[in-house]
Amino acid sequence: MELTKYELARIIGARAYQLALGAPPLVKISRPDMSFLEVAEEELKKGVIPLAVVRE
């Protein structure tokens, strides 16, 4: 299933928020200065984000 740009933004934003609140990252952080958004994008690329899109 192809995600829309709105779904991508919502998933990345929600995951970045979780990371900001202290959730452990699910990918190896390659740089010590990576932002939460960069980590969330990397998790999305690798397919390990624990979020799903439900369409009605």
N, C-alpha and C. Protein backbone atom coordinates (compact mmCIF):
# COMPACT_ATOMS: atom_id res chain seq x y z
N MET A 1 0.84 -1.17 0.00
CA MET A 1 0.00 0.00 0.00
C MET A 1 0.89 1.24 0.00
N GLU A 2 0.62 2.12 -0.89
CA GLU A 2 1.35 3.38 -0.99
C GLU A 2 0.74 4.40 -0.03
N LEU A 3 1.60 5.04 0.75
CA LEU A 3 1.12 6.05 1.69
C LEU A 3 1.06 7.42 1.01
N THR A 4 0.05 8.19 1.37
CA THR A 4 -0.04 9.55 0.84
C THR A 4 0.94 10.44 1.60
N LYS A 5 1.18 11.63 1.07
CA LYS A 5 2.10 12.54 1.74
C LYS A 5 1.57 12.95 3.11
N TYR A 6 0.26 12.97 3.28
CA TYR A 6 -0.35 13.32 4.56
C TYR A 6 -0.16 12.20 5.59
N GLU A 7 -0.30 10.96 5.13
CA GLU A 7 -0.08 9.82 6.01
C GLU A 7 1.39 9.73 6.43
N LEU A 8 2.29 9.97 5.48
CA LEU A 8 3.71 9.98 5.79
C LEU A 8 4.03 11.03 6.85
N ALA A 9 3.51 12.24 6.66
CA ALA A 9 3.76 13.32 7.61
C ALA A 9 3.21 12.98 8.98
N ARG A 10 2.03 12.38 9.03
CA ARG A 10 1.40 12.03 10.30
C ARG A 10 2.19 10.94 11.02
N ILE A 11 2.64 9.94 10.30
CA ILE A 11 3.38 8.84 10.91
C ILE A 11 4.74 9.33 11.41
N ILE A 12 5.45 10.07 10.59
CA ILE A 12 6.77 10.58 10.99
C ILE A 12 6.63 11.52 12.18
N GLY A 13 5.62 12.39 12.14
CA GLY A 13 5.41 13.31 13.25
C GLY A 13 5.06 12.60 14.54
N ALA A 14 4.19 11.60 14.46
CA ALA A 14 3.79 10.85 15.65
C ALA A 14 4.98 10.09 16.24
N ARG A 15 5.78 9.50 15.39
CA ARG A 15 6.95 8.75 15.88
C ARG A 15 8.00 9.69 16.46
N ALA A 16 8.22 10.83 15.82
CA ALA A 16 9.18 11.81 16.35
C ALA A 16 8.73 12.30 17.73
N TYR A 17 7.42 12.47 17.90
CA TYR A 17 6.88 12.88 19.20
C TYR A 17 7.15 11.80 20.25
N GLN A 18 6.94 10.55 19.89
CA GLN A 18 7.22 9.45 20.81
C GLN A 18 8.69 9.45 21.22
N LEU A 19 9.57 9.65 20.24
CA LEU A 19 11.01 9.69 20.53
C LEU A 19 11.35 10.85 21.45
N ALA A 20 10.72 12.00 21.22
CA ALA A 20 10.97 13.17 22.06
C ALA A 20 10.53 12.93 23.50
N LEU A 21 9.53 12.09 23.69
CA LEU A 21 9.04 11.78 25.03
C LEU A 21 9.82 10.65 25.70
N GLY A 22 10.84 10.12 25.01
CA GLY A 22 11.71 9.13 25.62
C GLY A 22 11.61 7.72 25.09
N ALA A 23 10.85 7.50 24.03
CA ALA A 23 10.77 6.15 23.46
C ALA A 23 12.14 5.77 22.89
N PRO A 24 12.52 4.51 23.01
CA PRO A 24 13.82 4.09 22.49
C PRO A 24 13.79 4.03 20.95
N PRO A 25 14.85 4.49 20.30
CA PRO A 25 14.90 4.39 18.84
C PRO A 25 15.02 2.93 18.41
N LEU A 26 14.41 2.62 17.27
CA LEU A 26 14.41 1.24 16.77
C LEU A 26 15.45 1.01 15.69
N VAL A 27 16.26 2.02 15.40
CA VAL A 27 17.37 1.90 14.46
C VAL A 27 18.63 2.41 15.14
N LYS A 28 19.76 2.03 14.62
CA LYS A 28 21.02 2.52 15.15
C LYS A 28 21.19 3.98 14.75
N ILE A 29 21.51 4.82 15.69
CA ILE A 29 21.70 6.24 15.42
C ILE A 29 23.12 6.43 14.90
N SER A 30 23.22 6.91 13.66
CA SER A 30 24.53 7.00 13.01
C SER A 30 25.32 8.25 13.42
N ARG A 31 24.60 9.30 13.81
CA ARG A 31 25.27 10.54 14.23
C ARG A 31 24.71 10.95 15.59
N PRO A 32 25.54 11.49 16.46
CA PRO A 32 25.03 11.89 17.78
C PRO A 32 24.11 13.11 17.72
N ASP A 33 24.14 13.86 16.64
CA ASP A 33 23.31 15.07 16.54
C ASP A 33 22.06 14.88 15.67
N MET A 34 21.64 13.63 15.49
CA MET A 34 20.43 13.37 14.69
C MET A 34 19.20 13.89 15.42
N SER A 35 18.32 14.55 14.69
CA SER A 35 17.08 15.04 15.29
C SER A 35 16.07 13.88 15.38
N PHE A 36 15.01 14.12 16.14
CA PHE A 36 13.97 13.10 16.27
C PHE A 36 13.31 12.83 14.92
N LEU A 37 13.15 13.87 14.11
CA LEU A 37 12.55 13.68 12.79
C LEU A 37 13.43 12.81 11.89
N GLU A 38 14.73 13.02 11.95
CA GLU A 38 15.64 12.21 11.14
C GLU A 38 15.61 10.75 11.57
N VAL A 39 15.55 10.53 12.87
CA VAL A 39 15.47 9.15 13.38
C VAL A 39 14.16 8.51 12.92
N ALA A 40 13.05 9.26 13.02
CA ALA A 40 11.74 8.73 12.60
C ALA A 40 11.74 8.43 11.10
N GLU A 41 12.35 9.27 10.29
CA GLU A 41 12.42 9.02 8.84
C GLU A 41 13.25 7.78 8.55
N GLU A 42 14.34 7.61 9.29
CA GLU A 42 15.18 6.42 9.11
C GLU A 42 14.41 5.16 9.50
N GLU A 43 13.64 5.22 10.58
CA GLU A 43 12.82 4.08 10.98
C GLU A 43 11.78 3.76 9.91
N LEU A 44 11.19 4.78 9.32
CA LEU A 44 10.20 4.56 8.27
C LEU A 44 10.85 3.90 7.05
N LYS A 45 12.04 4.37 6.68
CA LYS A 45 12.75 3.78 5.54
C LYS A 45 13.01 2.29 5.76
N LYS A 46 13.38 1.93 7.00
CA LYS A 46 13.68 0.53 7.30
C LYS A 46 12.44 -0.29 7.62
N GLY A 47 11.29 0.37 7.76
CA GLY A 47 10.04 -0.35 7.98
C GLY A 47 9.86 -0.89 9.38
N VAL A 48 10.40 -0.21 10.38
CA VAL A 48 10.30 -0.71 11.75
C VAL A 48 9.43 0.17 12.65
N ILE A 49 8.75 1.15 12.10
CA ILE A 49 7.89 2.01 12.91
C ILE A 49 6.67 1.20 13.37
N PRO A 50 6.38 1.21 14.67
CA PRO A 50 5.27 0.41 15.19
C PRO A 50 3.91 1.12 15.06
N LEU A 51 3.64 1.73 13.93
CA LEU A 51 2.39 2.42 13.68
C LEU A 51 1.79 1.90 12.37
N ALA A 52 0.47 1.95 12.27
CA ALA A 52 -0.21 1.47 11.07
C ALA A 52 -1.24 2.48 10.62
N VAL A 53 -1.54 2.47 9.32
CA VAL A 53 -2.56 3.33 8.74
C VAL A 53 -3.79 2.47 8.48
N VAL A 54 -4.92 2.91 8.98
CA VAL A 54 -6.18 2.20 8.77
C VAL A 54 -7.07 3.10 7.94
N ARG A 55 -7.46 2.63 6.77
CA ARG A 55 -8.35 3.39 5.88
C ARG A 55 -9.72 2.74 5.89
N GLU A 56 -10.72 3.57 5.90
CA GLU A 56 -12.09 3.05 5.87
C GLU A 56 -12.64 3.06 4.47
